[in-house]
Structure formats: structure tokens, C-alpha cells
PDB file of N, CA and C in Angstrom:
ATOM      1  N   UNK A   1       3.546-172.974  -2.190  1.00  0.00           N
ATOM      2  CA  UNK A   1       4.129-173.655  -3.331  1.00  0.00           C
ATOM      3  C   UNK A   1       5.120-174.686  -2.818  1.00  0.00           C
ATOM      4  N   UNK A   2       5.054-175.861  -3.410  1.00  0.00           N
ATOM      5  CA  UNK A   2       5.962-176.945  -3.049  1.00  0.00           C
ATOM      6  C   UNK A   2       6.887-177.239  -4.221  1.00  0.00           C
ATOM      7  N   UNK A   3       8.049-177.783  -3.893  1.00  0.00           N
ATOM      8  CA  UNK A   3       9.012-178.191  -4.908  1.00  0.00           C
ATOM      9  C   UNK A   3       9.139-179.702  -4.842  1.00  0.00           C
ATOM     10  N   UNK A   4       9.219-180.332  -6.028  1.00  0.00           N
ATOM     11  CA  UNK A   4       9.309-181.790  -6.099  1.00  0.00           C
ATOM     12  C   UNK A   4      10.215-182.158  -7.268  1.00  0.00           C
ATOM     13  N   UNK A   5      10.980-183.226  -7.117  1.00  0.00           N
ATOM     14  CA  UNK A   5      11.811-183.675  -8.235  1.00  0.00           C
ATOM     15  C   UNK A   5      10.929-184.370  -9.257  1.00  0.00           C
ATOM     16  N   UNK A   6      11.407-184.421 -10.485  1.00  0.00           N
ATOM     17  CA  UNK A   6      10.653-185.087 -11.543  1.00  0.00           C
ATOM     18  C   UNK A   6      10.438-186.563 -11.204  1.00  0.00           C
ATOM     19  N   UNK A   7      11.441-187.184 -10.614  1.00  0.00           N
ATOM     20  CA  UNK A   7      11.340-188.596 -10.236  1.00  0.00           C
ATOM     21  C   UNK A   7      10.235-188.801  -9.206  1.00  0.00           C
ATOM     22  N   UNK A   8      10.236-187.958  -8.158  1.00  0.00           N
ATOM     23  CA  UNK A   8       9.202-188.097  -7.129  1.00  0.00           C
ATOM     24  C   UNK A   8       7.823-187.713  -7.648  1.00  0.00           C
ATOM     25  N   UNK A   9       7.759-186.734  -8.547  1.00  0.00           N
ATOM     26  CA  UNK A   9       6.471-186.371  -9.141  1.00  0.00           C
ATOM     27  C   UNK A   9       5.911-187.562  -9.907  1.00  0.00           C
ATOM     28  N   UNK A  10       6.786-188.267 -10.595  1.00  0.00           N
ATOM     29  CA  UNK A  10       6.366-189.445 -11.342  1.00  0.00           C
ATOM     30  C   UNK A  10       5.921-190.559 -10.407  1.00  0.00           C
ATOM     31  N   UNK A  11       6.691-190.804  -9.364  1.00  0.00           N
ATOM     32  CA  UNK A  11       6.375-191.889  -8.419  1.00  0.00           C
ATOM     33  C   UNK A  11       5.089-191.630  -7.641  1.00  0.00           C
ATOM     34  N   UNK A  12       4.819-190.361  -7.332  1.00  0.00           N
ATOM     35  CA  UNK A  12       3.694-190.006  -6.473  1.00  0.00           C
ATOM     36  C   UNK A  12       2.682-189.123  -7.204  1.00  0.00           C
ATOM     37  N   UNK A  13       2.490-189.400  -8.485  1.00  0.00           N
ATOM     38  CA  UNK A  13       1.673-188.512  -9.306  1.00  0.00           C
ATOM     39  C   UNK A  13       0.241-188.378  -8.796  1.00  0.00           C
ATOM     40  N   UNK A  14      -0.376-189.456  -8.368  1.00  0.00           N
ATOM     41  CA  UNK A  14      -1.753-189.389  -7.860  1.00  0.00           C
ATOM     42  C   UNK A  14      -1.844-188.486  -6.635  1.00  0.00           C
ATOM     43  N   UNK A  15      -0.864-188.587  -5.743  1.00  0.00           N
ATOM     44  CA  UNK A  15      -0.841-187.737  -4.554  1.00  0.00           C
ATOM     45  C   UNK A  15      -0.660-186.271  -4.952  1.00  0.00           C
ATOM     46  N   UNK A  16       0.232-186.025  -5.891  1.00  0.00           N
ATOM     47  CA  UNK A  16       0.453-184.657  -6.381  1.00  0.00           C
ATOM     48  C   UNK A  16      -0.839-184.101  -6.963  1.00  0.00           C
ATOM     49  N   UNK A  17      -1.529-184.885  -7.781  1.00  0.00           N
ATOM     50  CA  UNK A  17      -2.786-184.423  -8.379  1.00  0.00           C
ATOM     51  C   UNK A  17      -3.844-184.130  -7.326  1.00  0.00           C
ATOM     52  N   UNK A  18      -3.913-184.962  -6.295  1.00  0.00           N
ATOM     53  CA  UNK A  18      -4.875-184.701  -5.216  1.00  0.00           C
ATOM     54  C   UNK A  18      -4.580-183.361  -4.549  1.00  0.00           C
ATOM     55  N   UNK A  19      -3.305-183.113  -4.276  1.00  0.00           N
ATOM     56  CA  UNK A  19      -2.935-181.853  -3.631  1.00  0.00           C
ATOM     57  C   UNK A  19      -3.187-180.659  -4.552  1.00  0.00           C
ATOM     58  N   UNK A  20      -2.909-180.826  -5.832  1.00  0.00           N
ATOM     59  CA  UNK A  20      -3.161-179.745  -6.795  1.00  0.00           C
ATOM     60  C   UNK A  20      -4.660-179.458  -6.870  1.00  0.00           C
ATOM     61  N   UNK A  21      -5.470-180.498  -6.814  1.00  0.00           N
ATOM     62  CA  UNK A  21      -6.920-180.288  -6.871  1.00  0.00           C
ATOM     63  C   UNK A  21      -7.420-179.514  -5.650  1.00  0.00           C
ATOM     64  N   UNK A  22      -6.643-179.523  -4.576  1.00  0.00           N
ATOM     65  CA  UNK A  22      -6.986-178.767  -3.367  1.00  0.00           C
ATOM     66  C   UNK A  22      -6.366-177.363  -3.377  1.00  0.00           C
ATOM     67  N   UNK A  23      -5.684-177.014  -4.477  1.00  0.00           N
ATOM     68  CA  UNK A  23      -5.144-175.663  -4.606  1.00  0.00           C
ATOM     69  C   UNK A  23      -3.637-175.538  -4.483  1.00  0.00           C
ATOM     70  N   UNK A  24      -2.942-176.632  -4.196  1.00  0.00           N
ATOM     71  CA  UNK A  24      -1.487-176.579  -4.049  1.00  0.00           C
ATOM     72  C   UNK A  24      -0.822-176.408  -5.418  1.00  0.00           C
ATOM     73  N   UNK A  25       0.313-175.737  -5.431  1.00  0.00           N
ATOM     74  CA  UNK A  25       1.095-175.535  -6.650  1.00  0.00           C
ATOM     75  C   UNK A  25       2.449-176.224  -6.460  1.00  0.00           C
ATOM     76  N   UNK A  26       2.879-176.966  -7.467  1.00  0.00           N
ATOM     77  CA  UNK A  26       4.165-177.663  -7.407  1.00  0.00           C
ATOM     78  C   UNK A  26       5.099-177.125  -8.482  1.00  0.00           C
ATOM     79  N   UNK A  27       6.372-176.964  -8.108  1.00  0.00           N
ATOM     80  CA  UNK A  27       7.426-176.684  -9.078  1.00  0.00           C
ATOM     81  C   UNK A  27       8.205-177.981  -9.230  1.00  0.00           C
ATOM     82  N   UNK A  28       8.369-178.434 -10.457  1.00  0.00           N
ATOM     83  CA  UNK A  28       9.054-179.699 -10.727  1.00  0.00           C
ATOM     84  C   UNK A  28      10.491-179.399 -11.136  1.00  0.00           C
ATOM     85  N   UNK A  29      11.429-180.094 -10.471  1.00  0.00           N
ATOM     86  CA  UNK A  29      12.857-179.920 -10.749  1.00  0.00           C
ATOM     87  C   UNK A  29      13.413-181.155 -11.437  1.00  0.00           C
ATOM     88  N   UNK A  30      14.286-180.923 -12.406  1.00  0.00           N
ATOM     89  CA  UNK A  30      15.025-182.004 -13.041  1.00  0.00           C
ATOM     90  C   UNK A  30      16.496-181.634 -12.975  1.00  0.00           C
ATOM     91  N   UNK A  31      17.247-182.448 -12.277  1.00  0.00           N
ATOM     92  CA  UNK A  31      18.667-182.172 -12.053  1.00  0.00           C
ATOM     93  C   UNK A  31      18.885-180.795 -11.440  1.00  0.00           C
ATOM     94  N   UNK A  32      17.970-180.429 -10.542  1.00  0.00           N
ATOM     95  CA  UNK A  32      18.099-179.179  -9.802  1.00  0.00           C
ATOM     96  C   UNK A  32      17.591-177.944 -10.520  1.00  0.00           C
ATOM     97  N   UNK A  33      17.113-178.099 -11.742  1.00  0.00           N
ATOM     98  CA  UNK A  33      16.609-176.955 -12.499  1.00  0.00           C
ATOM     99  C   UNK A  33      15.093-177.027 -12.623  1.00  0.00           C
ATOM    100  N   UNK A  34      14.437-175.870 -12.523  1.00  0.00           N
ATOM    101  CA  UNK A  34      12.986-175.815 -12.695  1.00  0.00           C
ATOM    102  C   UNK A  34      12.631-176.155 -14.142  1.00  0.00           C
ATOM    103  N   UNK A  35      11.738-177.121 -14.303  1.00  0.00           N
ATOM    104  CA  UNK A  35      11.342-177.515 -15.651  1.00  0.00           C
ATOM    105  C   UNK A  35       9.847-177.398 -15.887  1.00  0.00           C
ATOM    106  N   UNK A  36       9.052-177.352 -14.809  1.00  0.00           N
ATOM    107  CA  UNK A  36       7.603-177.295 -14.987  1.00  0.00           C
ATOM    108  C   UNK A  36       6.936-176.842 -13.706  1.00  0.00           C
ATOM    109  N   UNK A  37       5.703-176.415 -13.877  1.00  0.00           N
ATOM    110  CA  UNK A  37       4.844-176.112 -12.745  1.00  0.00           C
ATOM    111  C   UNK A  37       3.554-176.895 -12.929  1.00  0.00           C
ATOM    112  N   UNK A  38       3.055-177.439 -11.833  1.00  0.00           N
ATOM    113  CA  UNK A  38       1.767-178.114 -11.862  1.00  0.00           C
ATOM    114  C   UNK A  38       0.836-177.257 -11.023  1.00  0.00           C
ATOM    115  N   UNK A  39      -0.163-176.696 -11.676  1.00  0.00           N
ATOM    116  CA  UNK A  39      -1.062-175.751 -11.017  1.00  0.00           C
ATOM    117  C   UNK A  39      -2.507-176.192 -11.241  1.00  0.00           C
ATOM    118  N   UNK A  40      -3.392-175.786 -10.350  1.00  0.00           N
ATOM    119  CA  UNK A  40      -4.805-176.130 -10.541  1.00  0.00           C
ATOM    120  C   UNK A  40      -5.348-175.488 -11.818  1.00  0.00           C
ATOM    121  N   UNK A  41      -6.178-176.226 -12.514  1.00  0.00           N
ATOM    122  CA  UNK A  41      -6.837-175.683 -13.700  1.00  0.00           C
ATOM    123  C   UNK A  41      -7.923-174.733 -13.222  1.00  0.00           C
ATOM    124  N   UNK A  42      -7.883-173.525 -13.717  1.00  0.00           N
ATOM    125  CA  UNK A  42      -8.893-172.560 -13.281  1.00  0.00           C
ATOM    126  C   UNK A  42     -10.092-172.590 -14.221  1.00  0.00           C
ATOM    127  N   UNK A  43     -11.231-172.263 -13.706  1.00  0.00           N
ATOM    128  CA  UNK A  43     -12.435-172.233 -14.522  1.00  0.00           C
ATOM    129  C   UNK A  43     -12.332-171.134 -15.571  1.00  0.00           C
ATOM    130  N   UNK A  44     -11.690-170.021 -15.229  1.00  0.00           N
ATOM    131  CA  UNK A  44     -11.534-168.919 -16.187  1.00  0.00           C
ATOM    132  C   UNK A  44     -10.671-169.354 -17.370  1.00  0.00           C
ATOM    133  N   UNK A  45      -9.577-170.055 -17.094  1.00  0.00           N
ATOM    134  CA  UNK A  45      -8.705-170.530 -18.170  1.00  0.00           C
ATOM    135  C   UNK A  45      -9.461-171.510 -19.063  1.00  0.00           C
ATOM    136  N   UNK A  46     -10.247-172.380 -18.442  1.00  0.00           N
ATOM    137  CA  UNK A  46     -11.035-173.344 -19.218  1.00  0.00           C
ATOM    138  C   UNK A  46     -12.059-172.631 -20.090  1.00  0.00           C
ATOM    139  N   UNK A  47     -12.695-171.589 -19.551  1.00  0.00           N
ATOM    140  CA  UNK A  47     -13.676-170.824 -20.312  1.00  0.00           C
ATOM    141  C   UNK A  47     -13.014-170.148 -21.503  1.00  0.00           C
ATOM    142  N   UNK A  48     -11.822-169.572 -21.308  1.00  0.00           N
ATOM    143  CA  UNK A  48     -11.101-168.919 -22.411  1.00  0.00           C
ATOM    144  C   UNK A  48     -10.713-169.924 -23.481  1.00  0.00           C
ATOM    145  N   UNK A  49     -10.258-171.115 -23.049  1.00  0.00           N
ATOM    146  CA  UNK A  49      -9.886-172.159 -24.012  1.00  0.00           C
ATOM    147  C   UNK A  49     -11.082-172.580 -24.854  1.00  0.00           C
ATOM    148  N   UNK A  50     -12.212-172.793 -24.201  1.00  0.00           N
ATOM    149  CA  UNK A  50     -13.424-173.202 -24.916  1.00  0.00           C
ATOM    150  C   UNK A  50     -13.888-172.106 -25.873  1.00  0.00           C
ATOM    151  N   UNK A  51     -13.786-170.854 -25.452  1.00  0.00           N
ATOM    152  CA  UNK A  51     -14.180-169.736 -26.303  1.00  0.00           C
ATOM    153  C   UNK A  51     -13.279-169.651 -27.535  1.00  0.00           C
ATOM    154  N   UNK A  52     -11.970-169.821 -27.319  1.00  0.00           N
ATOM    155  CA  UNK A  52     -11.021-169.783 -28.434  1.00  0.00           C
ATOM    156  C   UNK A  52     -11.276-170.938 -29.396  1.00  0.00           C
ATOM    157  N   UNK A  53     -11.553-172.123 -28.848  1.00  0.00           N
ATOM    158  CA  UNK A  53     -11.834-173.291 -29.693  1.00  0.00           C
ATOM    159  C   UNK A  53     -13.090-173.054 -30.521  1.00  0.00           C
ATOM    160  N   UNK A  54     -14.126-172.522 -29.888  1.00  0.00           N
ATOM    161  CA  UNK A  54     -15.379-172.236 -30.585  1.00  0.00           C
ATOM    162  C   UNK A  54     -15.150-171.235 -31.719  1.00  0.00           C
ATOM    163  N   UNK A  55     -14.386-170.170 -31.442  1.00  0.00           N
ATOM    164  CA  UNK A  55     -14.098-169.157 -32.461  1.00  0.00           C
ATOM    165  C   UNK A  55     -13.331-169.745 -33.635  1.00  0.00           C
ATOM    166  N   UNK A  56     -12.332-170.577 -33.334  1.00  0.00           N
ATOM    167  CA  UNK A  56     -11.538-171.202 -34.386  1.00  0.00           C
ATOM    168  C   UNK A  56     -12.400-172.120 -35.246  1.00  0.00           C
ATOM    169  N   UNK A  57     -13.207-172.957 -34.606  1.00  0.00           N
ATOM    170  CA  UNK A  57     -14.053-173.881 -35.373  1.00  0.00           C
ATOM    171  C   UNK A  57     -15.068-173.126 -36.227  1.00  0.00           C
ATOM    172  N   UNK A  58     -15.593-172.027 -35.703  1.00  0.00           N
ATOM    173  CA  UNK A  58     -16.538-171.213 -36.470  1.00  0.00           C
ATOM    174  C   UNK A  58     -15.848-170.612 -37.699  1.00  0.00           C
ATOM    175  N   UNK A  59     -14.625-170.103 -37.508  1.00  0.00           N
ATOM    176  CA  UNK A  59     -13.882-169.526 -38.635  1.00  0.00           C
ATOM    177  C   UNK A  59     -13.532-170.593 -39.658  1.00  0.00           C
ATOM    178  N   UNK A  60     -13.083-171.758 -39.183  1.00  0.00           N
ATOM    179  CA  UNK A  60     -12.711-172.831 -40.108  1.00  0.00           C
ATOM    180  C   UNK A  60     -13.914-173.361 -40.878  1.00  0.00           C
ATOM    181  N   UNK A  61     -15.079-173.361 -40.262  1.00  0.00           N
ATOM    182  CA  UNK A  61     -16.289-173.828 -40.943  1.00  0.00           C
ATOM    183  C   UNK A  61     -16.622-172.941 -42.146  1.00  0.00           C
ATOM    184  N   UNK A  62     -16.219-171.685 -42.089  1.00  0.00           N
ATOM    185  CA  UNK A  62     -16.481-170.763 -43.193  1.00  0.00           C
ATOM    186  C   UNK A  62     -15.430-170.794 -44.288  1.00  0.00           C
ATOM    187  N   UNK A  63     -14.337-171.509 -44.058  1.00  0.00           N
ATOM    188  CA  UNK A  63     -13.262-171.585 -45.044  1.00  0.00           C
ATOM    189  C   UNK A  63     -13.604-172.596 -46.129  1.00  0.00           C
ATOM    190  N   UNK A  64     -13.135-172.308 -47.333  1.00  0.00           N
ATOM    191  CA  UNK A  64     -13.333-173.221 -48.447  1.00  0.00           C
ATOM    192  C   UNK A  64     -12.363-174.392 -48.312  1.00  0.00           C
ATOM    193  N   UNK A  65     -12.861-175.620 -48.502  1.00  0.00           N
ATOM    194  CA  UNK A  65     -12.030-176.802 -48.397  1.00  0.00           C
ATOM    195  C   UNK A  65     -11.208-176.950 -49.679  1.00  0.00           C
ATOM    196  N   UNK A  66      -9.937-177.267 -49.514  1.00  0.00           N
ATOM    197  CA  UNK A  66      -9.041-177.430 -50.656  1.00  0.00           C
ATOM    198  C   UNK A  66      -8.690-178.908 -50.761  1.00  0.00           C
ATOM    199  N   UNK A  67      -9.059-179.498 -51.900  1.00  0.00           N
ATOM    200  CA  UNK A  67      -8.778-180.919 -52.117  1.00  0.00           C
ATOM    201  C   UNK A  67      -7.897-181.096 -53.343  1.00  0.00           C
ATOM    202  N   UNK A  68      -7.053-182.103 -53.277  1.00  0.00           N
ATOM    203  CA  UNK A  68      -6.251-182.465 -54.427  1.00  0.00           C
ATOM    204  C   UNK A  68      -5.131-181.494 -54.751  1.00  0.00           C
ATOM    205  N   UNK A  69      -4.729-180.666 -53.796  1.00  0.00           N
ATOM    206  CA  UNK A  69      -3.644-179.720 -54.021  1.00  0.00           C
ATOM    207  C   UNK A  69      -2.430-180.210 -53.268  1.00  0.00           C
ATOM    208  N   UNK A  70      -1.291-180.156 -53.914  1.00  0.00           N
ATOM    209  CA  UNK A  70      -0.051-180.567 -53.272  1.00  0.00           C
ATOM    210  C   UNK A  70       0.858-179.349 -53.158  1.00  0.00           C
ATOM    211  N   UNK A  71       1.131-178.932 -51.923  1.00  0.00           N
ATOM    212  CA  UNK A  71       2.005-177.789 -51.699  1.00  0.00           C
ATOM    213  C   UNK A  71       3.394-178.260 -51.349  1.00  0.00           C
ATOM    214  N   UNK A  72       4.376-177.434 -51.695  1.00  0.00           N
ATOM    215  CA  UNK A  72       5.730-177.747 -51.260  1.00  0.00           C
ATOM    216  C   UNK A  72       6.050-176.925 -50.009  1.00  0.00           C
ATOM    217  N   UNK A  73       7.157-177.187 -49.388  1.00  0.00           N
ATOM    218  CA  UNK A  73       7.524-176.546 -48.124  1.00  0.00           C
ATOM    219  C   UNK A  73       7.584-175.028 -48.237  1.00  0.00           C
ATOM    220  N   UNK A  74       8.153-174.504 -49.332  1.00  0.00           N
ATOM    221  CA  UNK A  74       8.276-173.059 -49.497  1.00  0.00           C
ATOM    222  C   UNK A  74       6.914-172.390 -49.613  1.00  0.00           C
ATOM    223  N   UNK A  75       5.953-173.070 -50.193  1.00  0.00           N
ATOM    224  CA  UNK A  75       4.609-172.492 -50.314  1.00  0.00           C
ATOM    225  C   UNK A  75       3.867-172.470 -48.974  1.00  0.00           C
ATOM    226  N   UNK A  76       4.207-173.401 -48.101  1.00  0.00           N
ATOM    227  CA  UNK A  76       3.536-173.486 -46.810  1.00  0.00           C
ATOM    228  C   UNK A  76       4.077-172.487 -45.796  1.00  0.00           C
ATOM    229  N   UNK A  77       5.335-172.123 -45.900  1.00  0.00           N
ATOM    230  CA  UNK A  77       5.968-171.272 -44.910  1.00  0.00           C
ATOM    231  C   UNK A  77       6.538-170.030 -45.559  1.00  0.00           C
ATOM    232  N   UNK A  78       6.336-168.888 -44.900  1.00  0.00           N
ATOM    233  CA  UNK A  78       6.950-167.648 -45.373  1.00  0.00           C
ATOM    234  C   UNK A  78       8.449-167.725 -45.082  1.00  0.00           C
ATOM    235  N   UNK A  79       9.226-167.468 -46.084  1.00  0.00           N
ATOM    236  CA  UNK A  79      10.681-167.498 -45.889  1.00  0.00           C
ATOM    237  C   UNK A  79      11.271-166.201 -46.327  1.00  0.00           C
TER     238      UNK A  79
END
């Protein structure tokens, strides 16, 4: 795992991406504090995302479409 400042990550983003594609992991620091991690995208994570998207779209396709209804904030959110 490598550590890089946000400024350097921005300046050398293509290089960082090349290294990440080879399996390297970066921790990004902003003002000395960890703010992000840049990690390789795994095939398993991508498969789970696609499966979740497919399930959501399938469920939404079965929902009745509501047109011409105007909700207020209290109706949209449980309070």
C-alpha cells in the first residue's frame, strides 16, 4: 500500500491509475488525514453491483407508475 497526497494524486492521476490496475493500493491524504483509498476494481464487486442493479430494475419494472401526483416533504420522508 502506498500513501499519496491529494495534490500529487491529482497531478499524477494517470500514473496512479496504471499502478492501481497492476494491483497497487493507494491511501490519499488531505492535510495529513486519510480521506480516500484507491483500490483495484474487483470482478466480484462488479458482479455484485450488476446483480443488484438487475434486481432493482426487475423490481421497479413491476411497480405501478404514478403520474400527476404531487407529494410534500412530510409524505416523502418518515418523520
